[in-house]
Amino acid sequence: MKVYYLDDEDASAELGRLRRDLHLQEKDSSLETDKEMKEAEVTSYKNFLADTLEKKIEKLKMCFLMANHMLHTY
């Protein structure tokens, strides 16, 4: 598990680290001066991460359901 601290002091460095870890293209951080833009970007990343986690959980549930079915079938 990795933690990213998106506070006022380290936001650009942490966003760069997050982008690199997610294999996303780097953006020009000098263009991201508007606080609302930054908040929208963070919200977008949160949604992306939540969706990714939800998909992984669903895959895991399916694995257990299939294994349970196979145990009771044989």
N, C-alpha and C. Protein backbone atom coordinates (compact mmCIF):
# COMPACT_ATOMS: atom_id res chain seq x y z
N MET A 1 0.85 -1.17 0.00
CA MET A 1 0.00 0.00 0.00
C MET A 1 0.89 1.23 0.00
N LYS A 2 0.48 2.21 -0.78
CA LYS A 2 1.22 3.46 -0.83
C LYS A 2 0.30 4.58 -0.37
N VAL A 3 0.90 5.58 0.27
CA VAL A 3 0.15 6.74 0.76
C VAL A 3 0.68 7.98 0.07
N TYR A 4 -0.23 8.85 -0.34
CA TYR A 4 0.14 10.09 -1.01
C TYR A 4 -0.44 11.24 -0.21
N TYR A 5 0.41 12.19 0.20
CA TYR A 5 -0.03 13.33 0.99
C TYR A 5 -0.19 14.53 0.06
N LEU A 6 -1.43 14.85 -0.25
CA LEU A 6 -1.71 15.93 -1.19
C LEU A 6 -2.07 17.20 -0.43
N ASP A 7 -1.12 17.71 0.34
CA ASP A 7 -1.34 18.95 1.07
C ASP A 7 -0.76 20.12 0.29
N ASP A 8 -0.89 21.31 0.81
CA ASP A 8 -0.43 22.50 0.09
C ASP A 8 1.08 22.52 -0.12
N GLU A 9 1.84 21.95 0.78
CA GLU A 9 3.29 22.01 0.69
C GLU A 9 3.86 21.05 -0.35
N ASP A 10 3.37 19.82 -0.36
CA ASP A 10 3.97 18.78 -1.20
C ASP A 10 3.05 18.30 -2.32
N ALA A 11 2.01 19.05 -2.63
CA ALA A 11 1.01 18.57 -3.58
C ALA A 11 1.60 18.24 -4.95
N SER A 12 2.39 19.12 -5.51
CA SER A 12 2.89 18.88 -6.86
C SER A 12 3.84 17.68 -6.90
N ALA A 13 4.71 17.55 -5.89
CA ALA A 13 5.62 16.41 -5.84
C ALA A 13 4.85 15.11 -5.64
N GLU A 14 3.86 15.13 -4.77
CA GLU A 14 3.07 13.92 -4.51
C GLU A 14 2.20 13.55 -5.71
N LEU A 15 1.63 14.55 -6.38
CA LEU A 15 0.85 14.26 -7.59
C LEU A 15 1.75 13.66 -8.67
N GLY A 16 2.97 14.15 -8.77
CA GLY A 16 3.92 13.58 -9.72
C GLY A 16 4.23 12.14 -9.39
N ARG A 17 4.41 11.86 -8.11
CA ARG A 17 4.69 10.49 -7.68
C ARG A 17 3.48 9.59 -7.95
N LEU A 18 2.27 10.10 -7.69
CA LEU A 18 1.05 9.35 -7.94
C LEU A 18 0.90 9.07 -9.44
N ARG A 19 1.11 10.10 -10.26
CA ARG A 19 1.03 9.91 -11.72
C ARG A 19 2.04 8.86 -12.20
N ARG A 20 3.25 8.94 -11.67
CA ARG A 20 4.28 7.99 -12.08
C ARG A 20 3.89 6.58 -11.67
N ASP A 21 3.38 6.41 -10.45
CA ASP A 21 2.99 5.09 -9.97
C ASP A 21 1.78 4.53 -10.72
N LEU A 22 0.92 5.42 -11.22
CA LEU A 22 -0.25 4.99 -11.98
C LEU A 22 0.04 4.94 -13.48
N HIS A 23 1.28 5.24 -13.85
CA HIS A 23 1.71 5.24 -15.24
C HIS A 23 0.89 6.22 -16.08
N LEU A 24 0.63 7.40 -15.51
CA LEU A 24 -0.09 8.45 -16.22
C LEU A 24 0.91 9.46 -16.75
N GLN A 25 0.51 10.18 -17.77
CA GLN A 25 1.39 11.20 -18.34
C GLN A 25 1.58 12.33 -17.36
N GLU A 26 2.79 12.86 -17.35
CA GLU A 26 3.07 14.03 -16.52
C GLU A 26 2.39 15.24 -17.13
N LYS A 27 1.87 16.09 -16.29
CA LYS A 27 1.28 17.33 -16.75
C LYS A 27 2.15 18.48 -16.27
N ASP A 28 2.04 19.59 -16.93
CA ASP A 28 2.79 20.77 -16.54
C ASP A 28 2.17 21.32 -15.25
N SER A 29 2.86 21.15 -14.14
CA SER A 29 2.31 21.57 -12.85
C SER A 29 2.18 23.09 -12.75
N SER A 30 2.91 23.84 -13.59
CA SER A 30 2.78 25.29 -13.54
C SER A 30 1.41 25.75 -14.03
N LEU A 31 0.73 24.91 -14.81
CA LEU A 31 -0.60 25.24 -15.29
C LEU A 31 -1.67 24.95 -14.25
N GLU A 32 -1.32 24.22 -13.22
CA GLU A 32 -2.30 23.80 -12.22
C GLU A 32 -2.27 24.72 -11.00
N THR A 33 -2.52 25.97 -11.20
CA THR A 33 -2.47 26.91 -10.09
C THR A 33 -3.83 27.13 -9.46
N ASP A 34 -4.89 26.84 -10.17
CA ASP A 34 -6.22 27.06 -9.67
C ASP A 34 -6.59 25.97 -8.66
N LYS A 35 -7.01 26.38 -7.48
CA LYS A 35 -7.35 25.42 -6.43
C LYS A 35 -8.48 24.49 -6.85
N GLU A 36 -9.46 25.01 -7.55
CA GLU A 36 -10.57 24.17 -7.99
C GLU A 36 -10.10 23.11 -8.98
N MET A 37 -9.16 23.45 -9.82
CA MET A 37 -8.61 22.46 -10.76
C MET A 37 -7.89 21.35 -10.00
N LYS A 38 -7.14 21.74 -8.99
CA LYS A 38 -6.43 20.75 -8.19
C LYS A 38 -7.41 19.83 -7.46
N GLU A 39 -8.45 20.42 -6.89
CA GLU A 39 -9.44 19.61 -6.18
C GLU A 39 -10.16 18.67 -7.15
N ALA A 40 -10.45 19.15 -8.35
CA ALA A 40 -11.10 18.31 -9.34
C ALA A 40 -10.18 17.16 -9.75
N GLU A 41 -8.90 17.45 -9.88
CA GLU A 41 -7.94 16.39 -10.24
C GLU A 41 -7.84 15.35 -9.14
N VAL A 42 -7.78 15.79 -7.89
CA VAL A 42 -7.71 14.86 -6.77
C VAL A 42 -8.99 14.00 -6.72
N THR A 43 -10.14 14.64 -6.95
CA THR A 43 -11.40 13.89 -6.97
C THR A 43 -11.39 12.86 -8.08
N SER A 44 -10.85 13.24 -9.22
CA SER A 44 -10.75 12.31 -10.34
C SER A 44 -9.88 11.11 -9.98
N TYR A 45 -8.74 11.36 -9.35
CA TYR A 45 -7.86 10.27 -8.93
C TYR A 45 -8.54 9.39 -7.89
N LYS A 46 -9.25 10.00 -6.96
CA LYS A 46 -9.97 9.21 -5.95
C LYS A 46 -10.99 8.29 -6.60
N ASN A 47 -11.73 8.83 -7.58
CA ASN A 47 -12.72 8.01 -8.28
C ASN A 47 -12.06 6.87 -9.05
N PHE A 48 -10.94 7.19 -9.71
CA PHE A 48 -10.20 6.16 -10.43
C PHE A 48 -9.73 5.06 -9.49
N LEU A 49 -9.16 5.45 -8.36
CA LEU A 49 -8.68 4.46 -7.40
C LEU A 49 -9.82 3.65 -6.79
N ALA A 50 -10.95 4.31 -6.50
CA ALA A 50 -12.10 3.60 -5.95
C ALA A 50 -12.65 2.60 -6.96
N ASP A 51 -12.73 3.00 -8.23
CA ASP A 51 -13.20 2.09 -9.27
C ASP A 51 -12.27 0.89 -9.42
N THR A 52 -10.97 1.16 -9.41
CA THR A 52 -9.99 0.09 -9.53
C THR A 52 -10.10 -0.89 -8.37
N LEU A 53 -10.24 -0.36 -7.17
CA LEU A 53 -10.38 -1.21 -5.99
C LEU A 53 -11.67 -2.03 -6.07
N GLU A 54 -12.75 -1.41 -6.49
CA GLU A 54 -14.03 -2.11 -6.59
C GLU A 54 -13.94 -3.26 -7.59
N LYS A 55 -13.28 -3.03 -8.72
CA LYS A 55 -13.11 -4.09 -9.72
C LYS A 55 -12.29 -5.24 -9.17
N LYS A 56 -11.24 -4.93 -8.42
CA LYS A 56 -10.41 -5.99 -7.84
C LYS A 56 -11.20 -6.79 -6.80
N ILE A 57 -12.02 -6.11 -6.02
CA ILE A 57 -12.83 -6.80 -5.02
C ILE A 57 -13.84 -7.72 -5.70
N GLU A 58 -14.46 -7.24 -6.78
CA GLU A 58 -15.42 -8.06 -7.52
C GLU A 58 -14.75 -9.30 -8.11
N LYS A 59 -13.54 -9.13 -8.64
CA LYS A 59 -12.81 -10.29 -9.18
C LYS A 59 -12.52 -11.30 -8.08
N LEU A 60 -12.13 -10.81 -6.92
CA LEU A 60 -11.84 -11.69 -5.79
C LEU A 60 -13.10 -12.43 -5.34
N LYS A 61 -14.22 -11.72 -5.28
CA LYS A 61 -15.48 -12.36 -4.91
C LYS A 61 -15.84 -13.45 -5.90
N MET A 62 -15.65 -13.18 -7.19
CA MET A 62 -15.97 -14.18 -8.21
C MET A 62 -15.10 -15.42 -8.05
N CYS A 63 -13.84 -15.22 -7.72
CA CYS A 63 -12.94 -16.37 -7.51
C CYS A 63 -13.45 -17.24 -6.37
N PHE A 64 -13.86 -16.61 -5.27
CA PHE A 64 -14.35 -17.37 -4.14
C PHE A 64 -15.69 -18.04 -4.45
N LEU A 65 -16.55 -17.36 -5.19
CA LEU A 65 -17.83 -17.96 -5.57
C LEU A 65 -17.62 -19.18 -6.46
N MET A 66 -16.70 -19.05 -7.41
CA MET A 66 -16.41 -20.18 -8.29
C MET A 66 -15.79 -21.34 -7.52
N ALA A 67 -14.88 -21.04 -6.61
CA ALA A 67 -14.24 -22.09 -5.80
C ALA A 67 -15.28 -22.77 -4.92
N ASN A 68 -16.16 -21.99 -4.33
CA ASN A 68 -17.22 -22.55 -3.48
C ASN A 68 -18.14 -23.44 -4.29
N HIS A 69 -18.49 -23.00 -5.49
CA HIS A 69 -19.35 -23.79 -6.37
C HIS A 69 -18.68 -25.10 -6.74
N MET A 70 -17.39 -25.02 -7.06
CA MET A 70 -16.65 -26.23 -7.44
C MET A 70 -16.55 -27.20 -6.28
N LEU A 71 -16.38 -26.71 -5.07
CA LEU A 71 -16.31 -27.59 -3.89
C LEU A 71 -17.61 -28.33 -3.68
N HIS A 72 -18.72 -27.64 -3.90
CA HIS A 72 -20.02 -28.26 -3.65
C HIS A 72 -20.50 -29.09 -4.84
N THR A 73 -19.90 -28.91 -5.99
CA THR A 73 -20.30 -29.65 -7.19
C THR A 73 -19.62 -31.02 -7.22
N TYR A 74 -18.39 -31.08 -6.74
CA TYR A 74 -17.62 -32.32 -6.83
C TYR A 74 -17.66 -33.10 -5.58
